[in-house]
Protein backbone atom coordinates (compact mmCIF):
# COMPACT_ATOMS: atom_id res chain seq x y z
CA SER A 1 6.50 11.72 -29.45
CA ASP A 2 6.45 9.72 -32.76
CA THR A 3 8.92 11.90 -34.33
CA GLU A 4 11.36 11.57 -31.78
CA PHE A 5 10.76 7.56 -31.81
CA TRP A 6 11.38 7.37 -35.66
CA ASP A 7 14.38 9.72 -35.49
CA LYS A 8 15.76 7.61 -32.84
CA MET A 9 14.90 4.46 -34.83
CA GLN A 10 16.94 6.11 -37.92
CA ALA A 11 19.97 7.11 -35.86
CA GLU A 12 20.27 3.20 -34.80
CA TRP A 13 19.56 1.93 -38.20
CA GLU A 14 22.51 4.22 -39.44
CA GLU A 15 24.76 3.24 -36.55
CA MET A 16 24.06 -0.39 -37.47
CA ALA A 17 25.16 0.28 -41.04
CA ARG A 18 28.01 2.27 -39.84
CA ARG A 19 29.34 -0.70 -37.76
CA ASN A 20 28.80 -2.94 -40.81
CA TRP A 21 25.99 -5.03 -38.98
CA ILE A 22 23.54 -4.80 -41.76
CA SER A 23 25.93 -4.69 -44.74
CA GLU A 24 28.82 -6.69 -46.14
CA ASN A 25 30.56 -3.49 -46.96
CA GLN A 26 33.86 -3.21 -45.31
CA GLU A 27 34.26 0.52 -45.49
CA ALA A 28 31.32 2.52 -43.96
CA PRO A 29 30.79 5.68 -45.66
CA GLY A 30 31.05 8.69 -43.40
CA GLN A 31 33.44 7.34 -41.04
CA ILE A 32 37.07 7.28 -40.61
CA THR A 33 39.81 5.88 -38.35
CA ILE A 34 42.36 8.59 -37.25
CA SER A 35 45.21 5.97 -37.13
CA THR A 36 45.81 2.15 -36.85
CA VAL A 37 46.09 2.59 -33.08
CA GLU A 38 42.51 3.78 -32.92
CA LYS A 39 41.31 1.22 -35.25
CA GLY A 40 37.89 -0.02 -34.18
CA TYR A 41 36.59 3.25 -33.27
CA TYR A 42 34.84 4.96 -36.25
CA PHE A 43 34.70 8.66 -36.19
CA HIS A 44 32.13 10.88 -37.93
CA THR A 45 33.76 12.47 -41.05
CA GLU A 46 30.90 14.87 -41.29
CA ASN A 47 31.59 16.34 -37.81
CA PRO A 48 30.96 19.97 -37.83
CA PHE A 49 33.13 20.41 -34.97
CA LYS A 50 36.22 18.70 -36.03
CA ASP A 51 38.26 22.01 -35.94
CA TRP A 52 36.45 23.60 -33.15
CA PRO A 53 38.78 25.36 -30.43
CA GLY A 54 38.00 24.05 -27.18
CA ALA A 55 35.94 21.04 -28.43
CA PHE A 56 36.65 19.05 -25.25
CA GLU A 57 35.11 21.84 -22.98
CA GLU A 58 32.16 22.40 -25.11
CA GLY A 59 31.60 18.62 -25.07
CA LEU A 60 31.55 18.52 -21.33
CA LYS A 61 28.99 21.39 -21.32
CA LYS A 62 26.86 19.56 -23.82
CA MET A 63 27.23 16.36 -21.63
CA LYS A 64 25.68 18.36 -18.60
CA GLU A 65 22.97 19.58 -20.72
CA GLY A 66 22.03 15.84 -21.74
CA ASP A 67 22.78 16.34 -25.53
CA LEU A 68 24.39 13.08 -26.09
CA PRO A 69 24.70 12.97 -29.85
CA VAL A 70 26.32 16.50 -30.00
CA THR A 71 28.52 15.63 -26.98
CA ILE A 72 29.90 12.45 -28.89
CA LEU A 73 30.59 14.87 -31.80
CA TYR A 74 32.57 17.31 -29.63
CA LEU A 75 34.25 14.69 -27.87
CA GLU A 76 35.38 12.88 -31.17
CA ALA A 77 36.65 16.39 -32.51
CA ALA A 78 38.70 16.75 -29.03
CA ILE A 79 40.38 13.38 -29.98
CA LEU A 80 40.89 13.95 -33.44
CA GLN A 81 42.82 17.08 -32.42
CA GLU A 82 44.70 15.28 -29.46
CA PRO A 83 44.73 11.63 -30.06
CA ASN A 84 46.02 10.58 -26.81
CA ASP A 85 43.82 12.69 -24.63
CA ALA A 86 42.84 9.73 -22.23
CA GLU A 87 40.29 12.05 -20.55
CA ALA A 88 38.47 12.87 -23.74
CA TRP A 89 38.51 9.02 -24.56
CA GLN A 90 37.17 8.41 -21.13
CA PHE A 91 34.23 10.78 -21.57
CA LEU A 92 33.71 9.77 -24.90
CA GLY A 93 33.38 6.06 -23.78
CA ILE A 94 30.85 7.00 -21.09
CA THR A 95 28.72 9.07 -23.49
CA GLN A 96 28.52 6.27 -25.91
CA ALA A 97 27.39 3.86 -23.28
CA GLU A 98 24.82 6.43 -21.98
CA ASN A 99 23.78 6.69 -25.64
CA GLU A 100 23.32 2.88 -25.84
CA ASN A 101 26.11 2.52 -28.15
CA GLU A 102 27.94 -0.46 -26.14
CA GLN A 103 30.63 -1.39 -28.91
CA ALA A 104 31.77 2.26 -29.32
CA ALA A 105 31.89 2.57 -25.68
CA ILE A 106 34.10 -0.30 -25.11
CA VAL A 107 36.63 0.63 -27.87
CA ALA A 108 36.84 4.24 -26.50
CA LEU A 109 37.23 3.19 -22.87
CA GLN A 110 39.92 0.69 -24.15
CA ARG A 111 41.92 3.51 -25.30
């Protein structure tokens, strides 16, 4: 539908802005990095699931349902809770790739 198309376009525009592809601004609002080790991957600061218990498992459920944006939020929350969880990084990278966000996928999979 037209609404879905424009929603997707808006999300892509916001992603480009977040990655500084359309701005000279070095700090992208609404994003943080969790440490210098994870530098290069920008997490959503407005993540409603950041303190969600069982975020990884919930992310896997959402992935099976095909809800990629919510899956990404849950997986990011899981990584914020456990930054060295290689499996969470792997699934985050796969989900970002499926969501056509190659740069985020590459950074996540490198972790």
